[in-house]
Amino acid sequence: MVDFTVFKGSKGGKIVKSQTNRELGHDEVLIKITHSGVCGTDEHYKEADMVLGHEGAGIVEEVGSSVNAYSKGDSVGWGFQQSSCGHCKQCLTGRETLCPERAMYGTANFDTGSFAHHAIRKAAYIFAIPASIPREFAAPLMCGGATVFNALHSFGAKSAHRVGVIGVGGLGHLAIQFAAKMGSEVVVFSTTDSKKAEAMRLGATEFVATKGVSELQLSGQIDHLLVTTSQQPDWKQFLPIMAPGGTIYPLSVSSEDLKMPYMPIISNELKLQGSLVAARQVHREMLEFAALHQIRPIIETFPLTVDGIVQSMEKLEEGKMRYRAVLVAE
C-alpha cells in the first residue's frame, strides 16, 4: 500500500491538501511527480471532491509485477485519458479516446491526479518523455500539446494547407509552433496587435487583429481553422475567410451551444470537426515531433503547494497567464 499527498477540489472551489492510500496494481506504475501543468479543464473541476491535474510529469519509482515497458528512474508523463477497454472497435483501430468504456480525467480515479506528490497510473497510458525535453516543458504537452497536435495530425491537414489559429494563449501558442514546423503557412487571429511579435516569432506567417473589424483582410483563405479561445469567435467574420471544403476545429471547452450561420456551411461544404486529446500513438508522435523540432511551451512556474495551485488557477482564470502554468514540486 502506498500513501501520498494530493491536492483536491472541494465545494466552493477551495483547494484542499489531503492523502491518498492506494495499492500498486500489477499493470500500474508509481510516479514521483516533479511537474504538473495547469489546464483550463482543471478549473471546471475545482469544486469537485477529486484530485486535480492531468498534465503530469515525473520519475518512475516503482512498477507493477507485469510492467516491462518502464523501469525505476524513467522520465514519464501522462495526460487526459487513464484507460480504455482494449477490445472494442475503437480500441483495436487506435481510437481508444472514443472507447465506450474510456476512463478520462474527471470521470474516474478521483483519488489520483497530477496535483500531487505521487500518482499511480496504468503503464499502458503513460508516455516516455524524450531526454531532450525537460519535464517542466513536457508537462503542458501532455494535454495542451496533444490537443492541438491531434487536430493537425489526424484530420487531413497538409503542409500545403493554410492553417488559421484563433487566439495566442495556452493552446494557441502551441498550435502556432506545431503547424509551422509541419510546414504550413500559419495565420494568427487575435483581438489586438499586442501579441503580433510573439506570434511571428513562434512561426506565424501572417497576423490579423480582429477587434472592431467587420471584414477580415488576409492574403489567402484558410483550410484549417483552430479555435483556441474560451469564447466563441464572431462566425460572421470567420466563415467568409474559409476555403471551400475547409475544416473548423473548436478545441477549447465550453458548456455553451456552438452557434454559427447555417448557409455558409452548406454553400462552401465546410466541415466542423470535433477533436479530443490524442490517442496514444498520436501522443507518442507528438512528443517525438516536439523533441525533434524543439517545440517548447511558454511557461510560468508556481510551487506545487496549496498556495501555488491557488495562485496559478487565479491567474489562469483572469486570463493573465503567458501561457501555460506549471507547478513545480518542492
C-alpha atoms as a PDB file:
ATOM      1  CA  MET A   1       0.000   0.000   0.000  1.00  0.00           C
ATOM      2  CA  VAL A   2       1.278   3.466  -0.941  1.00  0.00           C
ATOM      3  CA  ASP A   3       0.396   6.700   0.872  1.00  0.00           C
ATOM      4  CA  PHE A   4       0.996  10.077  -0.741  1.00  0.00           C
ATOM      5  CA  THR A   5      -0.083  13.719  -0.601  1.00  0.00           C
ATOM      6  CA  VAL A   6      -2.651  15.034  -3.072  1.00  0.00           C
ATOM      7  CA  PHE A   7      -4.426  18.348  -3.696  1.00  0.00           C
ATOM      8  CA  LYS A   8      -8.159  18.201  -4.278  1.00  0.00           C
ATOM      9  CA  GLY A   9     -11.007  20.461  -5.248  1.00  0.00           C
ATOM     10  CA  SER A  10     -13.963  20.948  -2.930  1.00  0.00           C
ATOM     11  CA  LYS A  11     -17.383  22.525  -2.775  1.00  0.00           C
ATOM     12  CA  GLY A  12     -16.856  26.257  -3.084  1.00  0.00           C
ATOM     13  CA  GLY A  13     -13.643  25.774  -5.070  1.00  0.00           C
ATOM     14  CA  LYS A  14     -11.207  25.710  -2.139  1.00  0.00           C
ATOM     15  CA  ILE A  15      -8.045  23.676  -2.777  1.00  0.00           C
ATOM     16  CA  VAL A  16      -7.593  21.044  -0.077  1.00  0.00           C
ATOM     17  CA  LYS A  17      -4.414  19.174   0.839  1.00  0.00           C
ATOM     18  CA  SER A  18      -5.208  15.511   1.511  1.00  0.00           C
ATOM     19  CA  GLN A  19      -3.819  11.962   1.439  1.00  0.00           C
ATOM     20  CA  THR A  20      -4.397   9.055  -0.935  1.00  0.00           C
ATOM     21  CA  ASN A  21      -3.898   5.463   0.105  1.00  0.00           C
ATOM     22  CA  ARG A  22      -3.606   3.091  -2.797  1.00  0.00           C
ATOM     23  CA  GLU A  23      -2.238  -0.316  -3.752  1.00  0.00           C
ATOM     24  CA  LEU A  24       0.016  -0.596  -6.798  1.00  0.00           C
ATOM     25  CA  GLY A  25      -1.594  -2.922  -9.334  1.00  0.00           C
ATOM     26  CA  HIS A  26       0.324  -5.433 -11.441  1.00  0.00           C
ATOM     27  CA  ASP A  27      -0.111  -3.268 -14.574  1.00  0.00           C
ATOM     28  CA  GLU A  28       0.490   0.095 -12.898  1.00  0.00           C
ATOM     29  CA  VAL A  29       3.380   2.444 -12.235  1.00  0.00           C
ATOM     30  CA  LEU A  30       4.110   4.603  -9.191  1.00  0.00           C
ATOM     31  CA  ILE A  31       5.378   8.004 -10.333  1.00  0.00           C
ATOM     32  CA  LYS A  32       7.033  10.684  -8.205  1.00  0.00           C
ATOM     33  CA  ILE A  33       5.614  13.886  -9.645  1.00  0.00           C
ATOM     34  CA  THR A  34       8.113  16.630 -10.395  1.00  0.00           C
ATOM     35  CA  HIS A  35       5.896  18.895 -12.524  1.00  0.00           C
ATOM     36  CA  SER A  36       2.250  19.363 -13.393  1.00  0.00           C
ATOM     37  CA  GLY A  37       0.687  21.577 -15.990  1.00  0.00           C
ATOM     38  CA  VAL A  38      -2.411  23.568 -15.074  1.00  0.00           C
ATOM     39  CA  CYS A  39      -5.088  23.298 -17.753  1.00  0.00           C
ATOM     40  CA  GLY A  40      -8.323  25.212 -18.208  1.00  0.00           C
ATOM     41  CA  THR A  41     -10.159  21.924 -17.706  1.00  0.00           C
ATOM     42  CA  ASP A  42      -8.853  21.794 -14.135  1.00  0.00           C
ATOM     43  CA  GLU A  43     -10.875  24.933 -13.406  1.00  0.00           C
ATOM     44  CA  HIS A  44     -14.041  23.055 -14.368  1.00  0.00           C
ATOM     45  CA  TYR A  45     -13.418  20.505 -11.596  1.00  0.00           C
ATOM     46  CA  LYS A  46     -12.135  22.679  -8.769  1.00  0.00           C
ATOM     47  CA  GLU A  47     -15.485  22.352  -6.966  1.00  0.00           C
ATOM     48  CA  ALA A  48     -15.441  18.543  -7.237  1.00  0.00           C
ATOM     49  CA  ASP A  49     -14.192  16.247  -4.472  1.00  0.00           C
ATOM     50  CA  MET A  50     -11.344  14.833  -6.566  1.00  0.00           C
ATOM     51  CA  VAL A  51      -7.604  15.145  -7.021  1.00  0.00           C
ATOM     52  CA  LEU A  52      -6.967  17.767  -9.675  1.00  0.00           C
ATOM     53  CA  GLY A  53      -4.494  17.783 -12.549  1.00  0.00           C
ATOM     54  CA  HIS A  54      -3.940  15.746 -15.703  1.00  0.00           C
ATOM     55  CA  GLU A  55      -0.735  17.148 -17.226  1.00  0.00           C
ATOM     56  CA  GLY A  56       1.705  15.112 -15.194  1.00  0.00           C
ATOM     57  CA  ALA A  57       5.452  14.609 -15.494  1.00  0.00           C
ATOM     58  CA  GLY A  58       7.750  12.795 -13.136  1.00  0.00           C
ATOM     59  CA  ILE A  59      10.056   9.873 -12.398  1.00  0.00           C
ATOM     60  CA  VAL A  60       9.101   6.221 -12.091  1.00  0.00           C
ATOM     61  CA  GLU A  61       9.635   4.993  -8.524  1.00  0.00           C
ATOM     62  CA  GLU A  62       8.101   1.527  -8.715  1.00  0.00           C
ATOM     63  CA  VAL A  63       6.481  -0.715 -11.325  1.00  0.00           C
ATOM     64  CA  GLY A  64       3.852  -3.451 -11.031  1.00  0.00           C
ATOM     65  CA  SER A  65       4.739  -7.119 -11.473  1.00  0.00           C
ATOM     66  CA  SER A  66       3.650  -7.308 -15.130  1.00  0.00           C
ATOM     67  CA  VAL A  67       5.133  -3.984 -16.291  1.00  0.00           C
ATOM     68  CA  ASN A  68       8.075  -4.357 -18.669  1.00  0.00           C
ATOM     69  CA  ALA A  69       7.972  -1.100 -20.624  1.00  0.00           C
ATOM     70  CA  TYR A  70       9.239   1.110 -17.786  1.00  0.00           C
ATOM     71  CA  SER A  71      11.865   0.912 -15.069  1.00  0.00           C
ATOM     72  CA  LYS A  72      12.696   2.835 -11.927  1.00  0.00           C
ATOM     73  CA  GLY A  73      14.182   6.218 -12.809  1.00  0.00           C
ATOM     74  CA  ASP A  74      12.462   6.637 -16.188  1.00  0.00           C
ATOM     75  CA  SER A  75      11.153  10.107 -17.030  1.00  0.00           C
ATOM     76  CA  VAL A  76       7.464   9.796 -17.926  1.00  0.00           C
ATOM     77  CA  GLY A  77       4.292  11.800 -18.314  1.00  0.00           C
ATOM     78  CA  TRP A  78       0.576  11.315 -18.774  1.00  0.00           C
ATOM     79  CA  GLY A  79      -2.473  13.184 -19.928  1.00  0.00           C
ATOM     80  CA  PHE A  80      -6.251  13.212 -20.014  1.00  0.00           C
ATOM     81  CA  GLN A  81      -7.039   9.536 -20.696  1.00  0.00           C
ATOM     82  CA  GLN A  82      -6.468   6.951 -17.979  1.00  0.00           C
ATOM     83  CA  SER A  83      -7.604   3.669 -19.560  1.00  0.00           C
ATOM     84  CA  SER A  84      -9.971   2.001 -22.019  1.00  0.00           C
ATOM     85  CA  CYS A  85     -11.414  -1.476 -22.544  1.00  0.00           C
ATOM     86  CA  GLY A  86      -8.753  -2.559 -25.054  1.00  0.00           C
ATOM     87  CA  HIS A  87     -11.048  -4.808 -27.107  1.00  0.00           C
ATOM     88  CA  CYS A  88     -13.761  -2.664 -28.762  1.00  0.00           C
ATOM     89  CA  LYS A  89     -13.631  -1.454 -32.370  1.00  0.00           C
ATOM     90  CA  GLN A  90     -12.291   1.946 -31.331  1.00  0.00           C
ATOM     91  CA  CYS A  91      -9.517   0.488 -29.187  1.00  0.00           C
ATOM     92  CA  LEU A  92      -8.474  -2.037 -31.832  1.00  0.00           C
ATOM     93  CA  THR A  93      -8.219   0.665 -34.504  1.00  0.00           C
ATOM     94  CA  GLY A  94      -6.126   3.093 -32.456  1.00  0.00           C
ATOM     95  CA  ARG A  95      -9.022   5.357 -31.490  1.00  0.00           C
ATOM     96  CA  GLU A  96      -9.221   4.447 -27.826  1.00  0.00           C
ATOM     97  CA  THR A  97     -10.148   8.011 -26.901  1.00  0.00           C
ATOM     98  CA  LEU A  98     -13.608   7.115 -28.279  1.00  0.00           C
ATOM     99  CA  CYS A  99     -13.932   3.810 -26.370  1.00  0.00           C
ATOM    100  CA  PRO A 100     -17.381   3.462 -24.734  1.00  0.00           C
ATOM    101  CA  GLU A 101     -15.635   2.372 -21.525  1.00  0.00           C
ATOM    102  CA  ARG A 102     -12.926   5.017 -21.612  1.00  0.00           C
ATOM    103  CA  ALA A 103     -11.762   6.439 -18.284  1.00  0.00           C
ATOM    104  CA  MET A 104     -10.970  10.118 -18.579  1.00  0.00           C
ATOM    105  CA  TYR A 105      -9.913  12.835 -16.168  1.00  0.00           C
ATOM    106  CA  GLY A 106     -12.909  13.946 -14.162  1.00  0.00           C
ATOM    107  CA  THR A 107     -14.824  10.695 -14.680  1.00  0.00           C
ATOM    108  CA  ALA A 108     -12.686   8.061 -12.913  1.00  0.00           C
ATOM    109  CA  ASN A 109      -9.863   7.568 -10.396  1.00  0.00           C
ATOM    110  CA  PHE A 110     -10.822  10.608  -8.363  1.00  0.00           C
ATOM    111  CA  ASP A 111      -8.150   9.822  -5.747  1.00  0.00           C
ATOM    112  CA  THR A 112      -5.157  10.359  -8.020  1.00  0.00           C
ATOM    113  CA  GLY A 113      -4.057  13.201 -10.311  1.00  0.00           C
ATOM    114  CA  SER A 114      -1.069  15.367 -11.172  1.00  0.00           C
ATOM    115  CA  PHE A 115      -1.661  17.958  -8.425  1.00  0.00           C
ATOM    116  CA  ALA A 116       0.057  15.603  -6.005  1.00  0.00           C
ATOM    117  CA  HIS A 117       3.407  14.330  -4.776  1.00  0.00           C
ATOM    118  CA  HIS A 118       2.879  10.928  -6.440  1.00  0.00           C
ATOM    119  CA  ALA A 119       0.481   9.240  -8.824  1.00  0.00           C
ATOM    120  CA  ILE A 120      -0.366   5.665  -9.741  1.00  0.00           C
ATOM    121  CA  ARG A 121      -1.199   5.189 -13.418  1.00  0.00           C
ATOM    122  CA  LYS A 122      -1.788   2.335 -15.835  1.00  0.00           C
ATOM    123  CA  ALA A 123       1.544   1.655 -17.526  1.00  0.00           C
ATOM    124  CA  ALA A 124      -0.163   1.434 -20.916  1.00  0.00           C
ATOM    125  CA  TYR A 125      -1.355   5.040 -20.558  1.00  0.00           C
ATOM    126  CA  ILE A 126       1.848   6.819 -19.646  1.00  0.00           C
ATOM    127  CA  PHE A 127       4.496   8.097 -22.047  1.00  0.00           C
ATOM    128  CA  ALA A 128       8.269   8.155 -22.067  1.00  0.00           C
ATOM    129  CA  ILE A 129       9.486  11.749 -22.157  1.00  0.00           C
ATOM    130  CA  PRO A 130      12.334  12.246 -24.659  1.00  0.00           C
ATOM    131  CA  ALA A 131      15.597  13.126 -22.963  1.00  0.00           C
ATOM    132  CA  SER A 132      15.790  16.441 -24.848  1.00  0.00           C
ATOM    133  CA  ILE A 133      12.545  17.741 -23.316  1.00  0.00           C
ATOM    134  CA  PRO A 134      12.879  18.931 -19.696  1.00  0.00           C
ATOM    135  CA  ARG A 135       9.890  17.835 -17.642  1.00  0.00           C
ATOM    136  CA  GLU A 136       8.747  21.393 -16.912  1.00  0.00           C
ATOM    137  CA  PHE A 137       8.166  21.780 -20.659  1.00  0.00           C
ATOM    138  CA  ALA A 138       6.882  18.250 -21.171  1.00  0.00           C
ATOM    139  CA  ALA A 139       4.033  18.611 -18.666  1.00  0.00           C
ATOM    140  CA  PRO A 140       1.941  21.123 -20.691  1.00  0.00           C
ATOM    141  CA  LEU A 141       2.423  18.998 -23.815  1.00  0.00           C
ATOM    142  CA  MET A 142       0.550  16.136 -22.147  1.00  0.00           C
ATOM    143  CA  CYS A 143      -2.821  17.805 -22.744  1.00  0.00           C
ATOM    144  CA  GLY A 144      -2.331  21.192 -24.425  1.00  0.00           C
ATOM    145  CA  GLY A 145       0.245  19.913 -26.886  1.00  0.00           C
ATOM    146  CA  ALA A 146      -1.607  16.652 -27.521  1.00  0.00           C
ATOM    147  CA  THR A 147      -4.868  18.528 -28.169  1.00  0.00           C
ATOM    148  CA  VAL A 148      -3.556  20.821 -30.905  1.00  0.00           C
ATOM    149  CA  PHE A 149      -1.275  18.183 -32.439  1.00  0.00           C
ATOM    150  CA  ASN A 150      -4.166  15.741 -32.745  1.00  0.00           C
ATOM    151  CA  ALA A 151      -6.261  18.260 -34.677  1.00  0.00           C
ATOM    152  CA  LEU A 152      -3.409  18.991 -37.086  1.00  0.00           C
ATOM    153  CA  HIS A 153      -2.271  15.393 -37.409  1.00  0.00           C
ATOM    154  CA  SER A 154      -5.418  13.301 -37.529  1.00  0.00           C
ATOM    155  CA  PHE A 155      -7.870  15.047 -39.863  1.00  0.00           C
ATOM    156  CA  GLY A 156      -6.111  15.698 -43.132  1.00  0.00           C
ATOM    157  CA  ALA A 157      -4.069  18.876 -42.627  1.00  0.00           C
ATOM    158  CA  LYS A 158      -1.152  19.011 -45.083  1.00  0.00           C
ATOM    159  CA  SER A 159       1.927  21.169 -45.334  1.00  0.00           C
ATOM    160  CA  ALA A 160       0.488  22.928 -48.405  1.00  0.00           C
ATOM    161  CA  HIS A 161      -2.588  23.982 -46.434  1.00  0.00           C
ATOM    162  CA  ARG A 162      -3.046  27.320 -44.723  1.00  0.00           C
ATOM    163  CA  VAL A 163      -3.747  26.926 -41.023  1.00  0.00           C
ATOM    164  CA  GLY A 164      -5.555  29.595 -39.030  1.00  0.00           C
ATOM    165  CA  VAL A 165      -5.210  29.844 -35.247  1.00  0.00           C
ATOM    166  CA  ILE A 166      -7.685  31.970 -33.292  1.00  0.00           C
ATOM    167  CA  GLY A 167      -6.047  33.095 -30.064  1.00  0.00           C
ATOM    168  CA  VAL A 168      -2.470  33.270 -28.792  1.00  0.00           C
ATOM    169  CA  GLY A 169      -2.903  31.566 -25.434  1.00  0.00           C
ATOM    170  CA  GLY A 170      -2.300  28.241 -23.731  1.00  0.00           C
ATOM    171  CA  LEU A 171      -3.421  26.196 -26.745  1.00  0.00           C
ATOM    172  CA  GLY A 172      -2.876  28.785 -29.461  1.00  0.00           C
ATOM    173  CA  HIS A 173       0.831  29.414 -28.873  1.00  0.00           C
ATOM    174  CA  LEU A 174       1.449  25.658 -29.139  1.00  0.00           C
ATOM    175  CA  ALA A 175      -0.745  25.318 -32.231  1.00  0.00           C
ATOM    176  CA  ILE A 176       1.303  28.012 -33.983  1.00  0.00           C
ATOM    177  CA  GLN A 177       4.546  26.146 -33.317  1.00  0.00           C
ATOM    178  CA  PHE A 178       3.273  22.709 -34.344  1.00  0.00           C
ATOM    179  CA  ALA A 179       1.600  23.966 -37.527  1.00  0.00           C
ATOM    180  CA  ALA A 180       4.664  25.980 -38.547  1.00  0.00           C
ATOM    181  CA  LYS A 181       7.033  23.047 -38.002  1.00  0.00           C
ATOM    182  CA  MET A 182       4.682  20.844 -40.036  1.00  0.00           C
ATOM    183  CA  GLY A 183       5.380  23.191 -42.942  1.00  0.00           C
ATOM    184  CA  SER A 184       2.086  25.080 -43.087  1.00  0.00           C
ATOM    185  CA  GLU A 185       1.514  28.776 -43.542  1.00  0.00           C
ATOM    186  CA  VAL A 186       0.099  29.898 -40.208  1.00  0.00           C
ATOM    187  CA  VAL A 187      -2.301  32.818 -39.967  1.00  0.00           C
ATOM    188  CA  VAL A 188      -2.901  34.004 -36.400  1.00  0.00           C
ATOM    189  CA  PHE A 189      -6.014  35.893 -35.342  1.00  0.00           C
ATOM    190  CA  SER A 190      -6.028  37.881 -32.115  1.00  0.00           C
ATOM    191  CA  THR A 191      -8.115  40.738 -30.754  1.00  0.00           C
ATOM    192  CA  THR A 192      -5.319  43.322 -30.962  1.00  0.00           C
ATOM    193  CA  ASP A 193      -1.743  43.596 -32.240  1.00  0.00           C
ATOM    194  CA  SER A 194      -0.280  43.180 -28.726  1.00  0.00           C
ATOM    195  CA  LYS A 195       0.842  39.595 -29.361  1.00  0.00           C
ATOM    196  CA  LYS A 196       1.862  40.025 -33.004  1.00  0.00           C
ATOM    197  CA  ALA A 197       5.630  39.994 -32.444  1.00  0.00           C
ATOM    198  CA  GLU A 198       5.407  36.899 -30.273  1.00  0.00           C
ATOM    199  CA  ALA A 199       3.150  35.078 -32.741  1.00  0.00           C
ATOM    200  CA  MET A 200       5.554  35.797 -35.595  1.00  0.00           C
ATOM    201  CA  ARG A 201       8.493  34.607 -33.506  1.00  0.00           C
ATOM    202  CA  LEU A 202       6.635  31.341 -32.780  1.00  0.00           C
ATOM    203  CA  GLY A 203       6.216  30.691 -36.504  1.00  0.00           C
ATOM    204  CA  ALA A 204       3.224  32.635 -37.791  1.00  0.00           C
ATOM    205  CA  THR A 205       3.470  33.884 -41.365  1.00  0.00           C
ATOM    206  CA  GLU A 206       0.590  36.350 -41.061  1.00  0.00           C
ATOM    207  CA  PHE A 207      -1.186  38.114 -38.195  1.00  0.00           C
ATOM    208  CA  VAL A 208      -4.681  39.630 -38.233  1.00  0.00           C
ATOM    209  CA  ALA A 209      -6.164  41.818 -35.480  1.00  0.00           C
ATOM    210  CA  THR A 210      -9.927  41.293 -35.294  1.00  0.00           C
ATOM    211  CA  LYS A 211     -11.274  43.905 -32.866  1.00  0.00           C
ATOM    212  CA  GLY A 212     -13.638  46.380 -34.498  1.00  0.00           C
ATOM    213  CA  VAL A 213     -13.182  44.847 -37.947  1.00  0.00           C
ATOM    214  CA  SER A 214     -16.271  43.846 -39.895  1.00  0.00           C
ATOM    215  CA  GLU A 215     -14.359  42.110 -42.705  1.00  0.00           C
ATOM    216  CA  LEU A 216     -11.070  40.303 -42.135  1.00  0.00           C
ATOM    217  CA  GLN A 217      -8.317  41.087 -44.638  1.00  0.00           C
ATOM    218  CA  LEU A 218      -5.705  38.390 -45.279  1.00  0.00           C
ATOM    219  CA  SER A 219      -3.617  37.109 -48.157  1.00  0.00           C
ATOM    220  CA  GLY A 220      -5.473  33.841 -48.739  1.00  0.00           C
ATOM    221  CA  GLN A 221      -8.251  31.594 -47.496  1.00  0.00           C
ATOM    222  CA  ILE A 222      -7.922  29.230 -44.547  1.00  0.00           C
ATOM    223  CA  ASP A 223      -8.016  25.446 -44.989  1.00  0.00           C
ATOM    224  CA  HIS A 224      -7.932  24.512 -41.291  1.00  0.00           C
ATOM    225  CA  LEU A 225      -9.098  26.873 -38.545  1.00  0.00           C
ATOM    226  CA  LEU A 226      -8.236  26.035 -34.915  1.00  0.00           C
ATOM    227  CA  VAL A 227     -10.373  27.824 -32.345  1.00  0.00           C
ATOM    228  CA  THR A 228      -8.355  28.008 -29.125  1.00  0.00           C
ATOM    229  CA  THR A 229     -10.144  30.858 -27.328  1.00  0.00           C
ATOM    230  CA  SER A 230     -12.546  30.280 -24.453  1.00  0.00           C
ATOM    231  CA  GLN A 231     -15.154  32.498 -26.123  1.00  0.00           C
ATOM    232  CA  GLN A 232     -16.680  31.695 -29.484  1.00  0.00           C
ATOM    233  CA  PRO A 233     -15.449  33.904 -32.320  1.00  0.00           C
ATOM    234  CA  ASP A 234     -17.723  36.073 -34.439  1.00  0.00           C
ATOM    235  CA  TRP A 235     -18.558  33.493 -37.093  1.00  0.00           C
ATOM    236  CA  LYS A 236     -19.752  36.220 -39.477  1.00  0.00           C
ATOM    237  CA  GLN A 237     -16.139  37.373 -39.515  1.00  0.00           C
ATOM    238  CA  PHE A 238     -14.549  33.964 -39.922  1.00  0.00           C
ATOM    239  CA  LEU A 239     -16.775  31.873 -42.179  1.00  0.00           C
ATOM    240  CA  PRO A 240     -16.114  34.138 -45.224  1.00  0.00           C
ATOM    241  CA  ILE A 241     -12.345  33.513 -44.988  1.00  0.00           C
ATOM    242  CA  MET A 242     -12.654  29.722 -45.036  1.00  0.00           C
ATOM    243  CA  ALA A 243     -11.519  27.914 -48.180  1.00  0.00           C
ATOM    244  CA  PRO A 244     -14.175  25.732 -49.842  1.00  0.00           C
ATOM    245  CA  GLY A 245     -14.155  22.370 -48.088  1.00  0.00           C
ATOM    246  CA  GLY A 246     -12.239  23.850 -45.161  1.00  0.00           C
ATOM    247  CA  THR A 247     -12.374  22.485 -41.633  1.00  0.00           C
ATOM    248  CA  ILE A 248     -13.083  24.251 -38.334  1.00  0.00           C
ATOM    249  CA  TYR A 249     -11.862  22.735 -35.043  1.00  0.00           C
ATOM    250  CA  PRO A 250     -13.403  24.018 -31.788  1.00  0.00           C
ATOM    251  CA  LEU A 251     -10.661  22.971 -29.352  1.00  0.00           C
ATOM    252  CA  SER A 252     -11.418  24.856 -26.146  1.00  0.00           C
ATOM    253  CA  VAL A 253     -14.021  23.518 -23.724  1.00  0.00           C
ATOM    254  CA  SER A 254     -17.357  25.270 -23.248  1.00  0.00           C
ATOM    255  CA  SER A 255     -20.729  24.324 -21.813  1.00  0.00           C
ATOM    256  CA  GLU A 256     -22.463  26.718 -24.207  1.00  0.00           C
ATOM    257  CA  ASP A 257     -24.061  25.780 -27.523  1.00  0.00           C
ATOM    258  CA  LEU A 258     -21.958  26.205 -30.637  1.00  0.00           C
ATOM    259  CA  LYS A 259     -23.874  28.602 -32.910  1.00  0.00           C
ATOM    260  CA  MET A 260     -22.958  29.733 -36.401  1.00  0.00           C
ATOM    261  CA  PRO A 261     -24.674  30.803 -39.626  1.00  0.00           C
ATOM    262  CA  TYR A 262     -26.234  27.903 -41.489  1.00  0.00           C
ATOM    263  CA  MET A 263     -25.860  28.685 -45.206  1.00  0.00           C
ATOM    264  CA  PRO A 264     -22.069  29.286 -45.430  1.00  0.00           C
ATOM    265  CA  ILE A 265     -21.507  25.768 -44.076  1.00  0.00           C
ATOM    266  CA  ILE A 266     -23.647  24.300 -46.855  1.00  0.00           C
ATOM    267  CA  SER A 267     -22.637  26.555 -49.733  1.00  0.00           C
ATOM    268  CA  ASN A 268     -18.894  26.052 -49.160  1.00  0.00           C
ATOM    269  CA  GLU A 269     -19.099  22.458 -47.895  1.00  0.00           C
ATOM    270  CA  LEU A 270     -17.305  23.412 -44.713  1.00  0.00           C
ATOM    271  CA  LYS A 271     -16.614  20.807 -42.039  1.00  0.00           C
ATOM    272  CA  LEU A 272     -16.939  21.206 -38.295  1.00  0.00           C
ATOM    273  CA  GLN A 273     -14.561  18.670 -36.751  1.00  0.00           C
ATOM    274  CA  GLY A 274     -14.647  17.624 -33.118  1.00  0.00           C
ATOM    275  CA  SER A 275     -11.231  16.669 -31.804  1.00  0.00           C
ATOM    276  CA  LEU A 276     -10.372  15.131 -28.446  1.00  0.00           C
ATOM    277  CA  VAL A 277      -6.916  14.717 -26.961  1.00  0.00           C
ATOM    278  CA  ALA A 278      -4.586  12.450 -28.874  1.00  0.00           C
ATOM    279  CA  ALA A 279      -4.806   8.675 -28.898  1.00  0.00           C
ATOM    280  CA  ARG A 280      -1.675   7.039 -27.515  1.00  0.00           C
ATOM    281  CA  GLN A 281       0.282   6.551 -30.741  1.00  0.00           C
ATOM    282  CA  VAL A 282      -0.519  10.095 -31.851  1.00  0.00           C
ATOM    283  CA  HIS A 283       0.560  11.274 -28.389  1.00  0.00           C
ATOM    284  CA  ARG A 284       3.893   9.455 -28.807  1.00  0.00           C
ATOM    285  CA  GLU A 285       4.371  11.031 -32.219  1.00  0.00           C
ATOM    286  CA  MET A 286       3.604  14.448 -30.733  1.00  0.00           C
ATOM    287  CA  LEU A 287       6.378  14.048 -28.163  1.00  0.00           C
ATOM    288  CA  GLU A 288       8.822  12.808 -30.812  1.00  0.00           C
ATOM    289  CA  PHE A 289       7.908  15.724 -33.097  1.00  0.00           C
ATOM    290  CA  ALA A 290       8.266  18.242 -30.261  1.00  0.00           C
ATOM    291  CA  ALA A 291      11.670  16.788 -29.367  1.00  0.00           C
ATOM    292  CA  LEU A 292      12.899  16.861 -32.977  1.00  0.00           C
ATOM    293  CA  HIS A 293      11.774  20.437 -33.612  1.00  0.00           C
ATOM    294  CA  GLN A 294      12.462  21.789 -30.111  1.00  0.00           C
ATOM    295  CA  ILE A 295       8.867  22.890 -29.613  1.00  0.00           C
ATOM    296  CA  ARG A 296       8.507  24.395 -26.157  1.00  0.00           C
ATOM    297  CA  PRO A 297       5.521  25.802 -24.327  1.00  0.00           C
ATOM    298  CA  ILE A 298       5.994  29.252 -22.840  1.00  0.00           C
ATOM    299  CA  ILE A 299       5.530  28.683 -19.122  1.00  0.00           C
ATOM    300  CA  GLU A 300       5.174  30.381 -15.759  1.00  0.00           C
ATOM    301  CA  THR A 301       6.122  28.267 -12.749  1.00  0.00           C
ATOM    302  CA  PHE A 302       4.450  28.004  -9.356  1.00  0.00           C
ATOM    303  CA  PRO A 303       5.176  25.772  -6.339  1.00  0.00           C
ATOM    304  CA  LEU A 304       3.216  22.523  -6.097  1.00  0.00           C
ATOM    305  CA  THR A 305       1.507  23.633  -2.892  1.00  0.00           C
ATOM    306  CA  VAL A 306      -1.987  24.824  -1.982  1.00  0.00           C
ATOM    307  CA  ASP A 307      -0.883  28.455  -2.367  1.00  0.00           C
ATOM    308  CA  GLY A 308       0.868  27.777  -5.657  1.00  0.00           C
ATOM    309  CA  ILE A 309      -2.164  25.990  -7.089  1.00  0.00           C
ATOM    310  CA  VAL A 310      -4.490  28.799  -5.994  1.00  0.00           C
ATOM    311  CA  GLN A 311      -2.220  31.474  -7.480  1.00  0.00           C
ATOM    312  CA  SER A 312      -1.850  29.651 -10.789  1.00  0.00           C
ATOM    313  CA  MET A 313      -5.564  28.962 -11.167  1.00  0.00           C
ATOM    314  CA  GLU A 314      -6.494  32.549 -10.290  1.00  0.00           C
ATOM    315  CA  LYS A 315      -4.071  33.916 -12.868  1.00  0.00           C
ATOM    316  CA  LEU A 316      -5.364  31.461 -15.463  1.00  0.00           C
ATOM    317  CA  GLU A 317      -8.983  32.374 -14.724  1.00  0.00           C
ATOM    318  CA  GLU A 318      -8.166  36.081 -15.032  1.00  0.00           C
ATOM    319  CA  GLY A 319      -6.668  35.492 -18.482  1.00  0.00           C
ATOM    320  CA  LYS A 320      -3.249  36.795 -17.425  1.00  0.00           C
ATOM    321  CA  MET A 321      -1.214  33.605 -17.895  1.00  0.00           C
ATOM    322  CA  ARG A 322       1.517  33.623 -20.543  1.00  0.00           C
ATOM    323  CA  TYR A 323       0.876  30.937 -21.492  1.00  0.00           C
ATOM    324  CA  ARG A 324       0.890  27.683 -19.506  1.00  0.00           C
ATOM    325  CA  ALA A 325       1.204  27.373 -15.750  1.00  0.00           C
ATOM    326  CA  VAL A 326       3.487  24.631 -14.431  1.00  0.00           C
ATOM    327  CA  LEU A 327       3.501  23.505 -10.820  1.00  0.00           C
ATOM    328  CA  VAL A 328       6.956  22.503  -9.587  1.00  0.00           C
ATOM    329  CA  ALA A 329       7.420  20.032  -6.727  1.00  0.00           C
ATOM    330  CA  GLU A 330       9.463  21.449  -3.881  1.00  0.00           C
END
